Amino acid sequence: ALSMMEKELLIKKIEKGELIPEEDV
C-alpha cells in the first residue's frame, strides 16, 4: 500500500475479493 500510495484497507479488500480494483489501482 505504501509503495502504491494507497490505503492498506484497499489492498486487504482487493486481496479478499471483496473489491474489484479500479483501472488506476
PDB file of all heavy atoms in Angstrom:
ATOM      1  N   ALA A   1       0.833  -1.209   0.000  1.00  0.00           N
ATOM      2  CA  ALA A   1       0.000   0.000   0.000  1.00  0.00           C
ATOM      3  C   ALA A   1       0.867   1.258   0.000  1.00  0.00           C
ATOM      4  O   ALA A   1       0.582   2.212  -0.736  1.00  0.00           O
ATOM      5  CB  ALA A   1      -0.935  -0.008   1.206  1.00  0.00           C
ATOM      6  N   LEU A   2       1.925   1.260   0.790  1.00  0.00           N
ATOM      7  CA  LEU A   2       2.812   2.425   0.846  1.00  0.00           C
ATOM      8  C   LEU A   2       3.527   2.640  -0.486  1.00  0.00           C
ATOM      9  O   LEU A   2       3.667   3.780  -0.944  1.00  0.00           O
ATOM     10  CB  LEU A   2       3.838   2.260   1.968  1.00  0.00           C
ATOM     11  CG  LEU A   2       3.304   2.431   3.388  1.00  0.00           C
ATOM     12  CD1 LEU A   2       4.368   2.079   4.411  1.00  0.00           C
ATOM     13  CD2 LEU A   2       2.824   3.860   3.605  1.00  0.00           C
ATOM     14  N   SER A   3       3.964   1.572  -1.118  1.00  0.00           N
ATOM     15  CA  SER A   3       4.668   1.712  -2.396  1.00  0.00           C
ATOM     16  C   SER A   3       3.733   2.216  -3.502  1.00  0.00           C
ATOM     17  O   SER A   3       4.186   2.850  -4.443  1.00  0.00           O
ATOM     18  CB  SER A   3       5.300   0.384  -2.813  1.00  0.00           C
ATOM     19  OG  SER A   3       4.309  -0.554  -3.180  1.00  0.00           O
ATOM     20  N   MET A   4       2.446   1.936  -3.359  1.00  0.00           N
ATOM     21  CA  MET A   4       1.465   2.374  -4.352  1.00  0.00           C
ATOM     22  C   MET A   4       0.821   3.708  -3.992  1.00  0.00           C
ATOM     23  O   MET A   4       0.042   4.244  -4.762  1.00  0.00           O
ATOM     24  CB  MET A   4       0.351   1.322  -4.490  1.00  0.00           C
ATOM     25  CG  MET A   4       0.792   0.008  -5.054  1.00  0.00           C
ATOM     26  SD  MET A   4      -0.500  -1.257  -4.974  1.00  0.00           S
ATOM     27  CE  MET A   4      -1.982  -0.366  -5.338  1.00  0.00           C
ATOM     28  N   MET A   5       1.103   4.203  -2.795  1.00  0.00           N
ATOM     29  CA  MET A   5       0.466   5.431  -2.285  1.00  0.00           C
ATOM     30  C   MET A   5      -1.047   5.245  -2.174  1.00  0.00           C
ATOM     31  O   MET A   5      -1.828   6.108  -2.560  1.00  0.00           O
ATOM     32  CB  MET A   5       0.798   6.646  -3.161  1.00  0.00           C
ATOM     33  CG  MET A   5       2.286   6.939  -3.293  1.00  0.00           C
ATOM     34  SD  MET A   5       3.043   7.428  -1.748  1.00  0.00           S
ATOM     35  CE  MET A   5       2.377   9.049  -1.539  1.00  0.00           C
ATOM     36  N   GLU A   6      -1.449   4.094  -1.664  1.00  0.00           N
ATOM     37  CA  GLU A   6      -2.861   3.775  -1.444  1.00  0.00           C
ATOM     38  C   GLU A   6      -3.034   3.344   0.008  1.00  0.00           C
ATOM     39  O   GLU A   6      -2.056   3.144   0.732  1.00  0.00           O
ATOM     40  CB  GLU A   6      -3.326   2.644  -2.378  1.00  0.00           C
ATOM     41  CG  GLU A   6      -3.316   2.991  -3.852  1.00  0.00           C
ATOM     42  CD  GLU A   6      -4.400   3.985  -4.246  1.00  0.00           C
ATOM     43  OE1 GLU A   6      -5.368   4.172  -3.490  1.00  0.00           O
ATOM     44  OE2 GLU A   6      -4.266   4.573  -5.330  1.00  0.00           O
ATOM     45  N   LYS A   7      -4.282   3.163   0.431  1.00  0.00           N
ATOM     46  CA  LYS A   7      -4.555   2.740   1.803  1.00  0.00           C
ATOM     47  C   LYS A   7      -4.431   1.232   1.929  1.00  0.00           C
ATOM     48  O   LYS A   7      -4.757   0.480   1.011  1.00  0.00           O
ATOM     49  CB  LYS A   7      -5.960   3.178   2.224  1.00  0.00           C
ATOM     50  CG  LYS A   7      -6.100   4.673   2.326  1.00  0.00           C
ATOM     51  CD  LYS A   7      -7.446   5.075   2.846  1.00  0.00           C
ATOM     52  CE  LYS A   7      -7.519   6.590   2.975  1.00  0.00           C
ATOM     53  NZ  LYS A   7      -8.788   7.028   3.519  1.00  0.00           N
ATOM     54  N   GLU A   8      -3.983   0.798   3.100  1.00  0.00           N
ATOM     55  CA  GLU A   8      -3.817  -0.634   3.367  1.00  0.00           C
ATOM     56  C   GLU A   8      -5.152  -1.369   3.298  1.00  0.00           C
ATOM     57  O   GLU A   8      -5.224  -2.501   2.817  1.00  0.00           O
ATOM     58  CB  GLU A   8      -3.177  -0.825   4.750  1.00  0.00           C
ATOM     59  CG  GLU A   8      -2.903  -2.256   5.112  1.00  0.00           C
ATOM     60  CD  GLU A   8      -2.297  -2.413   6.496  1.00  0.00           C
ATOM     61  OE1 GLU A   8      -2.106  -1.402   7.198  1.00  0.00           O
ATOM     62  OE2 GLU A   8      -2.042  -3.575   6.874  1.00  0.00           O
ATOM     63  N   LEU A   9      -6.221  -0.735   3.746  1.00  0.00           N
ATOM     64  CA  LEU A   9      -7.547  -1.350   3.720  1.00  0.00           C
ATOM     65  C   LEU A   9      -7.977  -1.684   2.292  1.00  0.00           C
ATOM     66  O   LEU A   9      -8.611  -2.710   2.054  1.00  0.00           O
ATOM     67  CB  LEU A   9      -8.576  -0.426   4.374  1.00  0.00           C
ATOM     68  CG  LEU A   9      -9.991  -0.953   4.498  1.00  0.00           C
ATOM     69  CD1 LEU A   9     -10.007  -2.211   5.376  1.00  0.00           C
ATOM     70  CD2 LEU A   9     -10.909   0.093   5.089  1.00  0.00           C
ATOM     71  N   LEU A  10      -7.603  -0.837   1.344  1.00  0.00           N
ATOM     72  CA  LEU A  10      -7.917  -1.084  -0.056  1.00  0.00           C
ATOM     73  C   LEU A  10      -7.259  -2.381  -0.524  1.00  0.00           C
ATOM     74  O   LEU A  10      -7.895  -3.217  -1.157  1.00  0.00           O
ATOM     75  CB  LEU A  10      -7.454   0.093  -0.920  1.00  0.00           C
ATOM     76  CG  LEU A  10      -7.651  -0.060  -2.424  1.00  0.00           C
ATOM     77  CD1 LEU A  10      -9.127  -0.021  -2.769  1.00  0.00           C
ATOM     78  CD2 LEU A  10      -6.897   1.008  -3.174  1.00  0.00           C
ATOM     79  N   ILE A  11      -5.998  -2.566  -0.180  1.00  0.00           N
ATOM     80  CA  ILE A  11      -5.267  -3.778  -0.564  1.00  0.00           C
ATOM     81  C   ILE A  11      -5.906  -5.004   0.084  1.00  0.00           C
ATOM     82  O   ILE A  11      -6.091  -6.038  -0.567  1.00  0.00           O
ATOM     83  CB  ILE A  11      -3.777  -3.680  -0.162  1.00  0.00           C
ATOM     84  CG1 ILE A  11      -3.122  -2.453  -0.801  1.00  0.00           C
ATOM     85  CG2 ILE A  11      -3.027  -4.955  -0.517  1.00  0.00           C
ATOM     86  CD1 ILE A  11      -3.160  -2.425  -2.302  1.00  0.00           C
ATOM     87  N   LYS A  12      -6.264  -4.893   1.348  1.00  0.00           N
ATOM     88  CA  LYS A  12      -6.888  -6.018   2.056  1.00  0.00           C
ATOM     89  C   LYS A  12      -8.183  -6.437   1.368  1.00  0.00           C
ATOM     90  O   LYS A  12      -8.433  -7.625   1.162  1.00  0.00           O
ATOM     91  CB  LYS A  12      -7.170  -5.653   3.519  1.00  0.00           C
ATOM     92  CG  LYS A  12      -5.930  -5.592   4.369  1.00  0.00           C
ATOM     93  CD  LYS A  12      -6.267  -5.260   5.808  1.00  0.00           C
ATOM     94  CE  LYS A  12      -5.000  -5.204   6.634  1.00  0.00           C
ATOM     95  NZ  LYS A  12      -5.266  -4.957   8.049  1.00  0.00           N
ATOM     96  N   LYS A  13      -9.022  -5.466   1.016  1.00  0.00           N
ATOM     97  CA  LYS A  13     -10.310  -5.786   0.385  1.00  0.00           C
ATOM     98  C   LYS A  13     -10.127  -6.373  -1.007  1.00  0.00           C
ATOM     99  O   LYS A  13     -10.853  -7.274  -1.398  1.00  0.00           O
ATOM    100  CB  LYS A  13     -11.203  -4.548   0.335  1.00  0.00           C
ATOM    101  CG  LYS A  13     -11.760  -4.175   1.680  1.00  0.00           C
ATOM    102  CD  LYS A  13     -12.807  -3.107   1.573  1.00  0.00           C
ATOM    103  CE  LYS A  13     -13.429  -2.879   2.938  1.00  0.00           C
ATOM    104  NZ  LYS A  13     -14.695  -2.187   2.849  1.00  0.00           N
ATOM    105  N   ILE A  14      -9.163  -5.873  -1.745  1.00  0.00           N
ATOM    106  CA  ILE A  14      -8.896  -6.413  -3.078  1.00  0.00           C
ATOM    107  C   ILE A  14      -8.407  -7.843  -2.968  1.00  0.00           C
ATOM    108  O   ILE A  14      -8.837  -8.720  -3.712  1.00  0.00           O
ATOM    109  CB  ILE A  14      -7.891  -5.523  -3.842  1.00  0.00           C
ATOM    110  CG1 ILE A  14      -8.541  -4.183  -4.192  1.00  0.00           C
ATOM    111  CG2 ILE A  14      -7.387  -6.225  -5.092  1.00  0.00           C
ATOM    112  CD1 ILE A  14      -7.597  -3.152  -4.774  1.00  0.00           C
ATOM    113  N   GLU A  15      -7.509  -8.121  -2.018  1.00  0.00           N
ATOM    114  CA  GLU A  15      -6.977  -9.471  -1.842  1.00  0.00           C
ATOM    115  C   GLU A  15      -8.026 -10.461  -1.351  1.00  0.00           C
ATOM    116  O   GLU A  15      -7.920 -11.650  -1.598  1.00  0.00           O
ATOM    117  CB  GLU A  15      -5.778  -9.470  -0.892  1.00  0.00           C
ATOM    118  CG  GLU A  15      -4.507  -8.994  -1.545  1.00  0.00           C
ATOM    119  CD  GLU A  15      -3.279  -9.248  -0.699  1.00  0.00           C
ATOM    120  OE1 GLU A  15      -3.374  -9.953   0.334  1.00  0.00           O
ATOM    121  OE2 GLU A  15      -2.211  -8.757  -1.078  1.00  0.00           O
ATOM    122  N   LYS A  16      -9.032  -9.978  -0.640  1.00  0.00           N
ATOM    123  CA  LYS A  16     -10.123 -10.854  -0.191  1.00  0.00           C
ATOM    124  C   LYS A  16     -11.139 -11.088  -1.308  1.00  0.00           C
ATOM    125  O   LYS A  16     -12.008 -11.940  -1.190  1.00  0.00           O
ATOM    126  CB  LYS A  16     -10.853 -10.233   1.001  1.00  0.00           C
ATOM    127  CG  LYS A  16     -10.114 -10.325   2.296  1.00  0.00           C
ATOM    128  CD  LYS A  16     -10.980  -9.730   3.400  1.00  0.00           C
ATOM    129  CE  LYS A  16     -10.294  -9.740   4.731  1.00  0.00           C
ATOM    130  NZ  LYS A  16     -11.131  -9.123   5.777  1.00  0.00           N
ATOM    131  N   GLY A  17     -11.062 -10.305  -2.367  1.00  0.00           N
ATOM    132  CA  GLY A  17     -12.017 -10.419  -3.464  1.00  0.00           C
ATOM    133  C   GLY A  17     -13.290  -9.651  -3.193  1.00  0.00           C
ATOM    134  O   GLY A  17     -14.284  -9.817  -3.901  1.00  0.00           O
ATOM    135  N   GLU A  18     -13.301  -8.796  -2.184  1.00  0.00           N
ATOM    136  CA  GLU A  18     -14.477  -8.004  -1.842  1.00  0.00           C
ATOM    137  C   GLU A  18     -14.592  -6.765  -2.718  1.00  0.00           C
ATOM    138  O   GLU A  18     -15.650  -6.150  -2.778  1.00  0.00           O
ATOM    139  CB  GLU A  18     -14.413  -7.562  -0.377  1.00  0.00           C
ATOM    140  CG  GLU A  18     -14.503  -8.693   0.609  1.00  0.00           C
ATOM    141  CD  GLU A  18     -14.333  -8.234   2.051  1.00  0.00           C
ATOM    142  OE1 GLU A  18     -14.108  -7.028   2.286  1.00  0.00           O
ATOM    143  OE2 GLU A  18     -14.411  -9.087   2.948  1.00  0.00           O
ATOM    144  N   LEU A  19     -13.493  -6.388  -3.350  1.00  0.00           N
ATOM    145  CA  LEU A  19     -13.462  -5.155  -4.119  1.00  0.00           C
ATOM    146  C   LEU A  19     -12.717  -5.406  -5.421  1.00  0.00           C
ATOM    147  O   LEU A  19     -11.650  -6.019  -5.417  1.00  0.00           O
ATOM    148  CB  LEU A  19     -12.752  -4.069  -3.295  1.00  0.00           C
ATOM    149  CG  LEU A  19     -12.736  -2.665  -3.833  1.00  0.00           C
ATOM    150  CD1 LEU A  19     -14.149  -2.086  -3.789  1.00  0.00           C
ATOM    151  CD2 LEU A  19     -11.815  -1.792  -3.019  1.00  0.00           C
ATOM    152  N   ILE A  20     -13.279  -4.946  -6.506  1.00  0.00           N
ATOM    153  CA  ILE A  20     -12.608  -5.043  -7.796  1.00  0.00           C
ATOM    154  C   ILE A  20     -11.828  -3.750  -7.991  1.00  0.00           C
ATOM    155  O   ILE A  20     -12.401  -2.663  -7.890  1.00  0.00           O
ATOM    156  CB  ILE A  20     -13.632  -5.239  -8.935  1.00  0.00           C
ATOM    157  CG1 ILE A  20     -14.327  -6.584  -8.772  1.00  0.00           C
ATOM    158  CG2 ILE A  20     -12.945  -5.160 -10.287  1.00  0.00           C
ATOM    159  CD1 ILE A  20     -15.412  -6.833  -9.773  1.00  0.00           C
ATOM    160  N   PRO A  21     -10.523  -3.852  -8.242  1.00  0.00           N
ATOM    161  CA  PRO A  21      -9.722  -2.624  -8.350  1.00  0.00           C
ATOM    162  C   PRO A  21     -10.098  -1.800  -9.571  1.00  0.00           C
ATOM    163  O   PRO A  21     -10.388  -2.339 -10.640  1.00  0.00           O
ATOM    164  CB  PRO A  21      -8.279  -3.141  -8.469  1.00  0.00           C
ATOM    165  CG  PRO A  21      -8.408  -4.536  -8.958  1.00  0.00           C
ATOM    166  CD  PRO A  21      -9.715  -5.049  -8.442  1.00  0.00           C
ATOM    167  N   GLU A  22     -10.111  -0.490  -9.379  1.00  0.00           N
ATOM    168  CA  GLU A  22     -10.360   0.411 -10.498  1.00  0.00           C
ATOM    169  C   GLU A  22      -9.139   0.413 -11.405  1.00  0.00           C
ATOM    170  O   GLU A  22      -8.075  -0.094 -11.043  1.00  0.00           O
ATOM    171  CB  GLU A  22     -10.662   1.819  -9.980  1.00  0.00           C
ATOM    172  CG  GLU A  22     -11.981   1.901  -9.244  1.00  0.00           C
ATOM    173  CD  GLU A  22     -12.299   3.307  -8.776  1.00  0.00           C
ATOM    174  OE1 GLU A  22     -11.540   4.243  -9.113  1.00  0.00           O
ATOM    175  OE2 GLU A  22     -13.293   3.462  -8.070  1.00  0.00           O
ATOM    176  N   GLU A  23      -9.285   1.002 -12.566  1.00  0.00           N
ATOM    177  CA  GLU A  23      -8.237   0.974 -13.589  1.00  0.00           C
ATOM    178  C   GLU A  23      -6.897   1.506 -13.079  1.00  0.00           C
ATOM    179  O   GLU A  23      -5.864   0.869 -13.262  1.00  0.00           O
ATOM    180  CB  GLU A  23      -8.702   1.776 -14.808  1.00  0.00           C
ATOM    181  CG  GLU A  23      -7.843   1.618 -16.034  1.00  0.00           C
ATOM    182  CD  GLU A  23      -7.996   0.267 -16.700  1.00  0.00           C
ATOM    183  OE1 GLU A  23      -8.979  -0.436 -16.436  1.00  0.00           O
ATOM    184  OE2 GLU A  23      -7.110  -0.094 -17.489  1.00  0.00           O
ATOM    185  N   ASP A  24      -6.910   2.668 -12.415  1.00  0.00           N
ATOM    186  CA  ASP A  24      -5.646   3.253 -11.957  1.00  0.00           C
ATOM    187  C   ASP A  24      -4.998   2.412 -10.859  1.00  0.00           C
ATOM    188  O   ASP A  24      -3.776   2.237 -10.836  1.00  0.00           O
ATOM    189  CB  ASP A  24      -5.850   4.700 -11.498  1.00  0.00           C
ATOM    190  CG  ASP A  24      -6.838   4.839 -10.362  1.00  0.00           C
ATOM    191  OD1 ASP A  24      -7.770   4.009 -10.283  1.00  0.00           O
ATOM    192  OD2 ASP A  24      -6.694   5.769  -9.539  1.00  0.00           O
ATOM    193  N   VAL A  25      -5.802   1.854  -9.960  1.00  0.00           N
ATOM    194  CA  VAL A  25      -5.272   1.000  -8.888  1.00  0.00           C
ATOM    195  C   VAL A  25      -4.735  -0.299  -9.483  1.00  0.00           C
ATOM    196  O   VAL A  25      -3.674  -0.778  -9.085  1.00  0.00           O
ATOM    197  CB  VAL A  25      -6.357   0.715  -7.820  1.00  0.00           C
ATOM    198  CG1 VAL A  25      -5.852  -0.263  -6.776  1.00  0.00           C
ATOM    199  CG2 VAL A  25      -6.816   2.006  -7.173  1.00  0.00           C
TER     200      VAL A  25
END
